[in-house]
């Protein structure tokens, strides 16, 4: 019988871990899959391991254990770097270069360089081509870094808090540009942000990282469909399902439940919003977390 295989995912990990000095694990025993062409939100608190995860995918350093594959190839395989674009929180750029010189550097280093795409990002911010990168504000430097990443025309675009120092109007414009570029070229995008509401409506896949483990991983709609946000009287019997969070305010109770059972008439159910779902899990780190298909996550707590 021939083996049945599906599309090659953009990113897949099995037993993935990264330790630093003195045996401190930033990530450990993590498993997840991000299908190609998705826009995936990577969310979690500071110190959760998100930046380490991005660094591993960008091949800035190697895993300490487990396996990480990019488009089916082992991380570090020859030729992968030119298929990956990355904007880290530090946004390393040459401060003595002008904006024009920075774009020229990108053009000369990247064989698939998209000059129009890169200039679109710069021109939206009305940046002077002759301005030195070192004289730009933090938000303007972020725009230049994004221009380089988009101009590279990567198949996988990694964005680690790329818009944290950009004003709200510019964030809205740049997020729209990123999504349109990704849709036009079929780019897989992984983006981390602490602004959960900003990701709502932008992502179709999610990784929730907390304490060095992936607590939720999968298609966003599937995960949301497996949960109910219920409200009712606090002294009534609780509805069936696994409670991710249960909060009582006076006589009213509100719960985030993982269930596919009907909700009793005494309770008012609604489909949770992305922010409600993620905050429910983040506020309750000890609650069990499934993946998108209702089975336990394959990522255990970090040591």
C-alpha atoms as a PDB file:
ATOM      1  CA  UNK A   1       0.000   0.000   0.000  1.00  0.00           C
ATOM      2  CA  UNK A   2       1.436   3.388  -0.956  1.00  0.00           C
ATOM      3  CA  UNK A   3       1.995   5.922   1.760  1.00  0.00           C
ATOM      4  CA  UNK A   4      -0.495   8.807   1.769  1.00  0.00           C
ATOM      5  CA  UNK A   5       1.129  12.161   2.302  1.00  0.00           C
ATOM      6  CA  UNK A   6      -0.354  15.633   2.541  1.00  0.00           C
ATOM      7  CA  UNK A   7       0.996  19.076   1.752  1.00  0.00           C
ATOM      8  CA  UNK A   8       4.375  19.856   3.288  1.00  0.00           C
ATOM      9  CA  UNK A   9       3.875  22.224   6.250  1.00  0.00           C
ATOM     10  CA  UNK A  10       5.777  25.482   6.444  1.00  0.00           C
ATOM     11  CA  UNK A  11       7.004  24.712   9.965  1.00  0.00           C
ATOM     12  CA  UNK A  12       6.838  21.530  12.020  1.00  0.00           C
ATOM     13  CA  UNK A  13       8.435  20.636  15.337  1.00  0.00           C
ATOM     14  CA  UNK A  14       8.697  17.420  17.337  1.00  0.00           C
ATOM     15  CA  UNK A  15      10.207  17.343  20.831  1.00  0.00           C
ATOM     16  CA  UNK A  16      11.776  20.747  20.185  1.00  0.00           C
ATOM     17  CA  UNK A  17      13.789  22.313  22.987  1.00  0.00           C
ATOM     18  CA  UNK A  18      16.393  24.987  23.570  1.00  0.00           C
ATOM     19  CA  UNK A  19      18.510  25.347  26.697  1.00  0.00           C
ATOM     20  CA  UNK A  20      20.931  28.068  27.680  1.00  0.00           C
ATOM     21  CA  UNK A  21      23.722  28.133  30.239  1.00  0.00           C
ATOM     22  CA  UNK A  22      23.297  26.401  33.612  1.00  0.00           C
ATOM     23  CA  UNK A  23      20.670  24.075  32.232  1.00  0.00           C
ATOM     24  CA  UNK A  24      17.922  26.686  31.915  1.00  0.00           C
ATOM     25  CA  UNK A  25      15.381  25.657  29.292  1.00  0.00           C
ATOM     26  CA  UNK A  26      13.660  28.383  27.284  1.00  0.00           C
ATOM     27  CA  UNK A  27      11.643  25.755  25.384  1.00  0.00           C
ATOM     28  CA  UNK A  28      11.346  22.035  25.959  1.00  0.00           C
ATOM     29  CA  UNK A  29       9.566  19.095  24.317  1.00  0.00           C
ATOM     30  CA  UNK A  30       7.456  21.252  21.990  1.00  0.00           C
ATOM     31  CA  UNK A  31       5.513  19.884  19.055  1.00  0.00           C
ATOM     32  CA  UNK A  32       3.365  21.807  16.580  1.00  0.00           C
ATOM     33  CA  UNK A  33       2.665  22.267  12.870  1.00  0.00           C
ATOM     34  CA  UNK A  34       1.991  25.434  10.886  1.00  0.00           C
ATOM     35  CA  UNK A  35       0.595  24.690   7.395  1.00  0.00           C
ATOM     36  CA  UNK A  36       1.978  26.625   4.449  1.00  0.00           C
ATOM     37  CA  UNK A  37       0.173  29.825   3.517  1.00  0.00           C
ATOM     38  CA  UNK A  38      -1.200  30.557   6.984  1.00  0.00           C
ATOM     39  CA  UNK A  39      -0.956  33.769   8.980  1.00  0.00           C
ATOM     40  CA  UNK A  40      -0.135  32.481  12.442  1.00  0.00           C
ATOM     41  CA  UNK A  41      -0.255  34.525  15.635  1.00  0.00           C
ATOM     42  CA  UNK A  42       2.375  33.562  18.214  1.00  0.00           C
ATOM     43  CA  UNK A  43       1.184  34.915  21.557  1.00  0.00           C
ATOM     44  CA  UNK A  44       2.222  34.682  25.176  1.00  0.00           C
ATOM     45  CA  UNK A  45       3.658  36.723  28.046  1.00  0.00           C
ATOM     46  CA  UNK A  46       7.174  38.110  28.214  1.00  0.00           C
ATOM     47  CA  UNK A  47       9.714  35.370  28.856  1.00  0.00           C
ATOM     48  CA  UNK A  48       7.423  32.634  27.573  1.00  0.00           C
ATOM     49  CA  UNK A  49       9.872  31.465  24.891  1.00  0.00           C
ATOM     50  CA  UNK A  50       8.433  33.216  21.828  1.00  0.00           C
ATOM     51  CA  UNK A  51      11.661  34.964  20.808  1.00  0.00           C
ATOM     52  CA  UNK A  52      13.597  31.722  21.289  1.00  0.00           C
ATOM     53  CA  UNK A  53      11.116  29.975  19.022  1.00  0.00           C
ATOM     54  CA  UNK A  54      11.527  32.676  16.373  1.00  0.00           C
ATOM     55  CA  UNK A  55      15.308  32.455  16.663  1.00  0.00           C
ATOM     56  CA  UNK A  56      15.203  28.700  16.072  1.00  0.00           C
ATOM     57  CA  UNK A  57      12.982  29.090  13.008  1.00  0.00           C
ATOM     58  CA  UNK A  58      15.214  31.876  11.659  1.00  0.00           C
ATOM     59  CA  UNK A  59      18.245  29.603  12.183  1.00  0.00           C
ATOM     60  CA  UNK A  60      19.950  32.147  14.427  1.00  0.00           C
ATOM     61  CA  UNK A  61      20.884  29.217  16.676  1.00  0.00           C
ATOM     62  CA  UNK A  62      20.362  25.464  16.777  1.00  0.00           C
ATOM     63  CA  UNK A  63      17.927  23.414  18.904  1.00  0.00           C
ATOM     64  CA  UNK A  64      19.274  21.660  21.987  1.00  0.00           C
ATOM     65  CA  UNK A  65      16.924  18.743  21.435  1.00  0.00           C
ATOM     66  CA  UNK A  66      14.193  17.549  19.126  1.00  0.00           C
ATOM     67  CA  UNK A  67      13.529  18.289  15.480  1.00  0.00           C
ATOM     68  CA  UNK A  68      12.524  21.437  13.634  1.00  0.00           C
ATOM     69  CA  UNK A  69      11.682  21.357   9.924  1.00  0.00           C
ATOM     70  CA  UNK A  70      11.082  24.264   7.551  1.00  0.00           C
ATOM     71  CA  UNK A  71       9.189  23.313   4.386  1.00  0.00           C
ATOM     72  CA  UNK A  72      10.100  19.700   5.097  1.00  0.00           C
ATOM     73  CA  UNK A  73      13.832  20.397   5.380  1.00  0.00           C
ATOM     74  CA  UNK A  74      15.759  20.108   8.655  1.00  0.00           C
ATOM     75  CA  UNK A  75      16.468  23.524  10.143  1.00  0.00           C
ATOM     76  CA  UNK A  76      19.950  24.547   9.006  1.00  0.00           C
ATOM     77  CA  UNK A  77      19.712  22.779   5.641  1.00  0.00           C
ATOM     78  CA  UNK A  78      21.528  24.553   2.762  1.00  0.00           C
ATOM     79  CA  UNK A  79      19.354  27.006   0.870  1.00  0.00           C
ATOM     80  CA  UNK A  80      16.775  27.560   3.615  1.00  0.00           C
ATOM     81  CA  UNK A  81      18.020  30.973   4.695  1.00  0.00           C
ATOM     82  CA  UNK A  82      17.118  32.623   1.403  1.00  0.00           C
ATOM     83  CA  UNK A  83      13.544  31.339   1.797  1.00  0.00           C
ATOM     84  CA  UNK A  84      13.105  32.932   5.254  1.00  0.00           C
ATOM     85  CA  UNK A  85      12.621  36.595   6.141  1.00  0.00           C
ATOM     86  CA  UNK A  86      12.849  37.731   9.744  1.00  0.00           C
ATOM     87  CA  UNK A  87      12.330  40.905  11.760  1.00  0.00           C
ATOM     88  CA  UNK A  88      13.509  40.499  15.359  1.00  0.00           C
ATOM     89  CA  UNK A  89      12.847  42.846  18.259  1.00  0.00           C
ATOM     90  CA  UNK A  90      16.396  44.235  18.002  1.00  0.00           C
ATOM     91  CA  UNK A  91      16.001  45.038  14.269  1.00  0.00           C
ATOM     92  CA  UNK A  92      19.743  45.044  13.456  1.00  0.00           C
ATOM     93  CA  UNK A  93      20.493  47.645  10.784  1.00  0.00           C
ATOM     94  CA  UNK A  94      23.611  49.616   9.833  1.00  0.00           C
ATOM     95  CA  UNK A  95      23.091  53.030  11.500  1.00  0.00           C
ATOM     96  CA  UNK A  96      25.530  54.802   9.168  1.00  0.00           C
ATOM     97  CA  UNK A  97      23.672  53.645   6.045  1.00  0.00           C
ATOM     98  CA  UNK A  98      21.005  55.796   4.475  1.00  0.00           C
ATOM     99  CA  UNK A  99      17.569  54.361   3.753  1.00  0.00           C
ATOM    100  CA  UNK A 100      18.508  54.159   0.067  1.00  0.00           C
ATOM    101  CA  UNK A 101      21.783  52.371   0.834  1.00  0.00           C
ATOM    102  CA  UNK A 102      19.953  49.907   3.069  1.00  0.00           C
ATOM    103  CA  UNK A 103      17.538  49.025   0.276  1.00  0.00           C
ATOM    104  CA  UNK A 104      20.462  48.677  -2.130  1.00  0.00           C
ATOM    105  CA  UNK A 105      22.115  46.243   0.297  1.00  0.00           C
ATOM    106  CA  UNK A 106      18.934  44.182   0.357  1.00  0.00           C
ATOM    107  CA  UNK A 107      18.754  44.240  -3.421  1.00  0.00           C
ATOM    108  CA  UNK A 108      22.337  43.023  -3.842  1.00  0.00           C
ATOM    109  CA  UNK A 109      22.139  40.286  -1.200  1.00  0.00           C
ATOM    110  CA  UNK A 110      18.794  38.743  -2.172  1.00  0.00           C
ATOM    111  CA  UNK A 111      18.344  37.116  -5.591  1.00  0.00           C
ATOM    112  CA  UNK A 112      14.519  37.313  -5.419  1.00  0.00           C
ATOM    113  CA  UNK A 113      14.467  40.953  -4.328  1.00  0.00           C
ATOM    114  CA  UNK A 114      11.139  42.747  -4.780  1.00  0.00           C
ATOM    115  CA  UNK A 115      12.061  46.405  -5.193  1.00  0.00           C
ATOM    116  CA  UNK A 116       8.453  47.573  -5.525  1.00  0.00           C
ATOM    117  CA  UNK A 117       7.357  45.778  -2.359  1.00  0.00           C
ATOM    118  CA  UNK A 118      10.231  47.167  -0.299  1.00  0.00           C
ATOM    119  CA  UNK A 119       9.737  50.722  -1.536  1.00  0.00           C
ATOM    120  CA  UNK A 120       6.019  50.552  -0.842  1.00  0.00           C
ATOM    121  CA  UNK A 121       6.749  50.036   2.873  1.00  0.00           C
ATOM    122  CA  UNK A 122       9.261  52.902   2.966  1.00  0.00           C
ATOM    123  CA  UNK A 123       7.135  55.330   0.972  1.00  0.00           C
ATOM    124  CA  UNK A 124       4.071  54.769   3.157  1.00  0.00           C
ATOM    125  CA  UNK A 125       6.133  56.178   6.019  1.00  0.00           C
ATOM    126  CA  UNK A 126       7.357  59.123   3.922  1.00  0.00           C
ATOM    127  CA  UNK A 127      10.973  58.303   4.790  1.00  0.00           C
ATOM    128  CA  UNK A 128      13.664  60.337   3.060  1.00  0.00           C
ATOM    129  CA  UNK A 129      15.948  58.086   0.988  1.00  0.00           C
ATOM    130  CA  UNK A 130      18.955  60.108   2.184  1.00  0.00           C
ATOM    131  CA  UNK A 131      18.137  59.843   5.913  1.00  0.00           C
ATOM    132  CA  UNK A 132      20.663  57.899   7.976  1.00  0.00           C
ATOM    133  CA  UNK A 133      19.167  54.866   9.690  1.00  0.00           C
ATOM    134  CA  UNK A 134      20.781  55.939  12.971  1.00  0.00           C
ATOM    135  CA  UNK A 135      18.848  59.234  12.869  1.00  0.00           C
ATOM    136  CA  UNK A 136      15.448  57.566  12.493  1.00  0.00           C
ATOM    137  CA  UNK A 137      12.953  56.999  15.283  1.00  0.00           C
ATOM    138  CA  UNK A 138      12.301  53.485  16.559  1.00  0.00           C
ATOM    139  CA  UNK A 139       9.112  53.229  14.528  1.00  0.00           C
ATOM    140  CA  UNK A 140      10.860  54.422  11.371  1.00  0.00           C
ATOM    141  CA  UNK A 141      13.649  51.870  11.831  1.00  0.00           C
ATOM    142  CA  UNK A 142      10.977  49.194  12.224  1.00  0.00           C
ATOM    143  CA  UNK A 143       9.558  50.277   8.884  1.00  0.00           C
ATOM    144  CA  UNK A 144      12.978  49.947   7.202  1.00  0.00           C
ATOM    145  CA  UNK A 145      13.460  46.490   8.736  1.00  0.00           C
ATOM    146  CA  UNK A 146      10.032  45.432   7.438  1.00  0.00           C
ATOM    147  CA  UNK A 147      10.902  46.782   4.003  1.00  0.00           C
ATOM    148  CA  UNK A 148      13.990  44.556   3.920  1.00  0.00           C
ATOM    149  CA  UNK A 149      12.000  41.515   5.071  1.00  0.00           C
ATOM    150  CA  UNK A 150       9.223  42.006   2.525  1.00  0.00           C
ATOM    151  CA  UNK A 151      11.657  42.908  -0.267  1.00  0.00           C
ATOM    152  CA  UNK A 152      13.467  39.617   0.249  1.00  0.00           C
ATOM    153  CA  UNK A 153      10.235  37.966  -0.942  1.00  0.00           C
ATOM    154  CA  UNK A 154      10.498  35.069   1.524  1.00  0.00           C
ATOM    155  CA  UNK A 155       8.279  32.017   1.607  1.00  0.00           C
ATOM    156  CA  UNK A 156       8.303  32.168   5.420  1.00  0.00           C
ATOM    157  CA  UNK A 157       8.131  35.577   7.112  1.00  0.00           C
ATOM    158  CA  UNK A 158       8.922  35.711  10.847  1.00  0.00           C
ATOM    159  CA  UNK A 159       7.878  38.883  12.664  1.00  0.00           C
ATOM    160  CA  UNK A 160       8.765  39.073  16.374  1.00  0.00           C
ATOM    161  CA  UNK A 161       6.925  42.109  17.814  1.00  0.00           C
ATOM    162  CA  UNK A 162       7.634  44.027  14.592  1.00  0.00           C
ATOM    163  CA  UNK A 163       5.242  46.921  15.257  1.00  0.00           C
ATOM    164  CA  UNK A 164       5.735  47.443  18.995  1.00  0.00           C
ATOM    165  CA  UNK A 165       7.251  50.919  18.554  1.00  0.00           C
ATOM    166  CA  UNK A 166       5.015  52.007  15.663  1.00  0.00           C
ATOM    167  CA  UNK A 167       2.114  54.413  16.207  1.00  0.00           C
ATOM    168  CA  UNK A 168      -1.466  53.017  15.960  1.00  0.00           C
ATOM    169  CA  UNK A 169      -2.247  54.469  12.521  1.00  0.00           C
ATOM    170  CA  UNK A 170       1.017  53.168  11.043  1.00  0.00           C
ATOM    171  CA  UNK A 171       0.426  49.764  12.679  1.00  0.00           C
ATOM    172  CA  UNK A 172      -2.956  49.553  10.997  1.00  0.00           C
ATOM    173  CA  UNK A 173      -1.486  50.486   7.598  1.00  0.00           C
ATOM    174  CA  UNK A 174       1.475  48.125   7.904  1.00  0.00           C
ATOM    175  CA  UNK A 175      -0.641  45.212   9.115  1.00  0.00           C
ATOM    176  CA  UNK A 176      -2.918  45.656   6.112  1.00  0.00           C
ATOM    177  CA  UNK A 177       0.089  45.780   3.804  1.00  0.00           C
ATOM    178  CA  UNK A 178       1.592  42.647   5.360  1.00  0.00           C
ATOM    179  CA  UNK A 179      -1.651  40.711   4.975  1.00  0.00           C
ATOM    180  CA  UNK A 180      -2.161  41.774   1.371  1.00  0.00           C
ATOM    181  CA  UNK A 181       1.441  40.885   0.498  1.00  0.00           C
ATOM    182  CA  UNK A 182       1.066  37.487   2.185  1.00  0.00           C
ATOM    183  CA  UNK A 183      -2.194  36.749   0.381  1.00  0.00           C
ATOM    184  CA  UNK A 184      -0.825  37.817  -3.001  1.00  0.00           C
ATOM    185  CA  UNK A 185       2.322  35.717  -2.789  1.00  0.00           C
ATOM    186  CA  UNK A 186       1.127  32.817  -0.620  1.00  0.00           C
ATOM    187  CA  UNK A 187       3.643  33.702   2.098  1.00  0.00           C
ATOM    188  CA  UNK A 188       3.457  31.926   5.448  1.00  0.00           C
ATOM    189  CA  UNK A 189       3.600  34.555   8.197  1.00  0.00           C
ATOM    190  CA  UNK A 190       4.300  34.016  11.892  1.00  0.00           C
ATOM    191  CA  UNK A 191       3.774  37.185  13.898  1.00  0.00           C
ATOM    192  CA  UNK A 192       4.014  37.764  17.637  1.00  0.00           C
ATOM    193  CA  UNK A 193       2.236  40.610  19.367  1.00  0.00           C
ATOM    194  CA  UNK A 194       1.045  41.556  22.841  1.00  0.00           C
ATOM    195  CA  UNK A 195      -1.856  43.452  21.234  1.00  0.00           C
ATOM    196  CA  UNK A 196      -4.280  40.543  21.029  1.00  0.00           C
ATOM    197  CA  UNK A 197      -7.119  42.625  19.622  1.00  0.00           C
ATOM    198  CA  UNK A 198      -4.838  43.650  16.750  1.00  0.00           C
ATOM    199  CA  UNK A 199      -4.428  40.006  15.715  1.00  0.00           C
ATOM    200  CA  UNK A 200      -8.185  39.368  15.712  1.00  0.00           C
ATOM    201  CA  UNK A 201      -9.322  39.148  12.103  1.00  0.00           C
ATOM    202  CA  UNK A 202      -5.723  39.032  10.859  1.00  0.00           C
ATOM    203  CA  UNK A 203      -4.648  35.492  11.782  1.00  0.00           C
ATOM    204  CA  UNK A 204      -6.090  32.100  10.856  1.00  0.00           C
ATOM    205  CA  UNK A 205      -3.726  29.950  12.939  1.00  0.00           C
ATOM    206  CA  UNK A 206      -2.479  30.343  16.508  1.00  0.00           C
ATOM    207  CA  UNK A 207       0.358  29.226  18.785  1.00  0.00           C
ATOM    208  CA  UNK A 208      -0.045  30.087  22.455  1.00  0.00           C
ATOM    209  CA  UNK A 209       3.337  29.875  24.210  1.00  0.00           C
ATOM    210  CA  UNK A 210       3.591  29.996  27.983  1.00  0.00           C
ATOM    211  CA  UNK A 211       6.363  28.946  30.381  1.00  0.00           C
ATOM    212  CA  UNK A 212       8.362  27.340  27.596  1.00  0.00           C
ATOM    213  CA  UNK A 213       5.544  25.228  26.241  1.00  0.00           C
ATOM    214  CA  UNK A 214       2.973  25.482  23.473  1.00  0.00           C
ATOM    215  CA  UNK A 215      -0.413  25.336  25.187  1.00  0.00           C
ATOM    216  CA  UNK A 216      -2.600  25.821  22.109  1.00  0.00           C
ATOM    217  CA  UNK A 217      -1.690  25.123  18.511  1.00  0.00           C
ATOM    218  CA  UNK A 218      -3.946  24.877  15.502  1.00  0.00           C
ATOM    219  CA  UNK A 219      -6.481  26.452  13.191  1.00  0.00           C
ATOM    220  CA  UNK A 220      -8.085  29.397  14.967  1.00  0.00           C
ATOM    221  CA  UNK A 221     -11.655  28.663  13.880  1.00  0.00           C
ATOM    222  CA  UNK A 222     -11.396  25.043  15.045  1.00  0.00           C
ATOM    223  CA  UNK A 223     -10.081  26.106  18.440  1.00  0.00           C
ATOM    224  CA  UNK A 224     -12.785  28.751  18.887  1.00  0.00           C
ATOM    225  CA  UNK A 225     -15.487  26.272  17.828  1.00  0.00           C
ATOM    226  CA  UNK A 226     -14.358  23.915  20.599  1.00  0.00           C
ATOM    227  CA  UNK A 227     -14.999  26.526  23.312  1.00  0.00           C
ATOM    228  CA  UNK A 228     -17.995  28.294  24.822  1.00  0.00           C
ATOM    229  CA  UNK A 229     -18.089  31.483  26.867  1.00  0.00           C
ATOM    230  CA  UNK A 230     -21.044  31.040  29.247  1.00  0.00           C
ATOM    231  CA  UNK A 231     -22.747  33.362  31.737  1.00  0.00           C
ATOM    232  CA  UNK A 232     -25.366  32.565  34.341  1.00  0.00           C
ATOM    233  CA  UNK A 233     -26.213  32.556  38.052  1.00  0.00           C
ATOM    234  CA  UNK A 234     -23.273  31.664  40.264  1.00  0.00           C
ATOM    235  CA  UNK A 235     -25.344  29.391  42.534  1.00  0.00           C
ATOM    236  CA  UNK A 236     -26.635  27.254  39.656  1.00  0.00           C
ATOM    237  CA  UNK A 237     -25.116  23.923  38.557  1.00  0.00           C
ATOM    238  CA  UNK A 238     -22.191  24.356  36.207  1.00  0.00           C
ATOM    239  CA  UNK A 239     -22.634  23.333  32.578  1.00  0.00           C
ATOM    240  CA  UNK A 240     -20.721  20.275  31.327  1.00  0.00           C
ATOM    241  CA  UNK A 241     -17.218  20.621  29.902  1.00  0.00           C
ATOM    242  CA  UNK A 242     -13.664  21.305  30.992  1.00  0.00           C
ATOM    243  CA  UNK A 243     -13.421  24.723  32.621  1.00  0.00           C
ATOM    244  CA  UNK A 244     -10.466  26.705  31.355  1.00  0.00           C
ATOM    245  CA  UNK A 245     -11.544  29.639  33.521  1.00  0.00           C
ATOM    246  CA  UNK A 246     -14.368  30.240  35.984  1.00  0.00           C
ATOM    247  CA  UNK A 247     -15.013  33.706  37.437  1.00  0.00           C
ATOM    248  CA  UNK A 248     -17.713  34.817  39.887  1.00  0.00           C
ATOM    249  CA  UNK A 249     -18.758  38.452  40.315  1.00  0.00           C
ATOM    250  CA  UNK A 250     -21.553  38.884  42.821  1.00  0.00           C
ATOM    251  CA  UNK A 251     -24.403  36.595  41.727  1.00  0.00           C
ATOM    252  CA  UNK A 252     -23.128  36.141  38.177  1.00  0.00           C
ATOM    253  CA  UNK A 253     -20.633  33.567  36.967  1.00  0.00           C
ATOM    254  CA  UNK A 254     -18.704  33.577  33.701  1.00  0.00           C
ATOM    255  CA  UNK A 255     -16.876  30.541  32.417  1.00  0.00           C
ATOM    256  CA  UNK A 256     -14.673  29.630  29.475  1.00  0.00           C
ATOM    257  CA  UNK A 257     -15.413  25.992  28.698  1.00  0.00           C
ATOM    258  CA  UNK A 258     -13.889  23.506  26.352  1.00  0.00           C
ATOM    259  CA  UNK A 259     -16.808  21.357  25.283  1.00  0.00           C
ATOM    260  CA  UNK A 260     -18.802  20.070  22.353  1.00  0.00           C
ATOM    261  CA  UNK A 261     -21.853  19.361  24.546  1.00  0.00           C
ATOM    262  CA  UNK A 262     -25.019  21.462  24.419  1.00  0.00           C
ATOM    263  CA  UNK A 263     -25.146  24.220  27.028  1.00  0.00           C
ATOM    264  CA  UNK A 264     -28.138  24.006  29.460  1.00  0.00           C
ATOM    265  CA  UNK A 265     -30.849  26.631  29.050  1.00  0.00           C
ATOM    266  CA  UNK A 266     -29.914  28.226  32.381  1.00  0.00           C
ATOM    267  CA  UNK A 267     -26.664  29.420  30.834  1.00  0.00           C
ATOM    268  CA  UNK A 268     -26.188  31.928  28.027  1.00  0.00           C
ATOM    269  CA  UNK A 269     -23.503  30.674  25.619  1.00  0.00           C
ATOM    270  CA  UNK A 270     -21.490  32.610  23.066  1.00  0.00           C
ATOM    271  CA  UNK A 271     -18.489  31.885  20.899  1.00  0.00           C
ATOM    272  CA  UNK A 272     -15.450  33.503  22.521  1.00  0.00           C
ATOM    273  CA  UNK A 273     -13.484  36.215  20.808  1.00  0.00           C
ATOM    274  CA  UNK A 274      -9.793  35.599  20.216  1.00  0.00           C
ATOM    275  CA  UNK A 275      -8.745  37.889  23.073  1.00  0.00           C
ATOM    276  CA  UNK A 276     -11.202  36.261  25.498  1.00  0.00           C
ATOM    277  CA  UNK A 277      -9.944  32.799  24.622  1.00  0.00           C
ATOM    278  CA  UNK A 278      -6.250  33.619  24.935  1.00  0.00           C
ATOM    279  CA  UNK A 279      -6.599  35.639  28.134  1.00  0.00           C
ATOM    280  CA  UNK A 280      -8.585  32.795  29.676  1.00  0.00           C
ATOM    281  CA  UNK A 281      -5.713  30.395  29.114  1.00  0.00           C
ATOM    282  CA  UNK A 282      -3.024  32.902  30.102  1.00  0.00           C
ATOM    283  CA  UNK A 283      -4.757  33.731  33.386  1.00  0.00           C
ATOM    284  CA  UNK A 284      -4.999  30.028  34.199  1.00  0.00           C
ATOM    285  CA  UNK A 285      -1.633  28.450  33.407  1.00  0.00           C
ATOM    286  CA  UNK A 286      -2.473  25.208  35.226  1.00  0.00           C
ATOM    287  CA  UNK A 287      -5.617  24.445  33.237  1.00  0.00           C
ATOM    288  CA  UNK A 288      -5.169  21.568  30.758  1.00  0.00           C
ATOM    289  CA  UNK A 289      -4.883  22.726  27.152  1.00  0.00           C
ATOM    290  CA  UNK A 290      -5.737  20.704  24.042  1.00  0.00           C
ATOM    291  CA  UNK A 291      -4.612  21.246  20.501  1.00  0.00           C
ATOM    292  CA  UNK A 292      -7.103  22.203  17.791  1.00  0.00           C
ATOM    293  CA  UNK A 293      -8.410  18.638  17.559  1.00  0.00           C
ATOM    294  CA  UNK A 294      -9.237  18.289  21.244  1.00  0.00           C
ATOM    295  CA  UNK A 295      -6.287  16.121  22.258  1.00  0.00           C
ATOM    296  CA  UNK A 296      -3.629  17.112  24.782  1.00  0.00           C
ATOM    297  CA  UNK A 297      -0.878  19.416  23.569  1.00  0.00           C
ATOM    298  CA  UNK A 298       2.372  17.715  22.631  1.00  0.00           C
ATOM    299  CA  UNK A 299       4.434  20.307  24.472  1.00  0.00           C
ATOM    300  CA  UNK A 300       5.151  19.691  28.141  1.00  0.00           C
ATOM    301  CA  UNK A 301       6.126  22.281  30.737  1.00  0.00           C
ATOM    302  CA  UNK A 302       9.666  23.539  30.611  1.00  0.00           C
ATOM    303  CA  UNK A 303      12.020  22.431  33.327  1.00  0.00           C
END
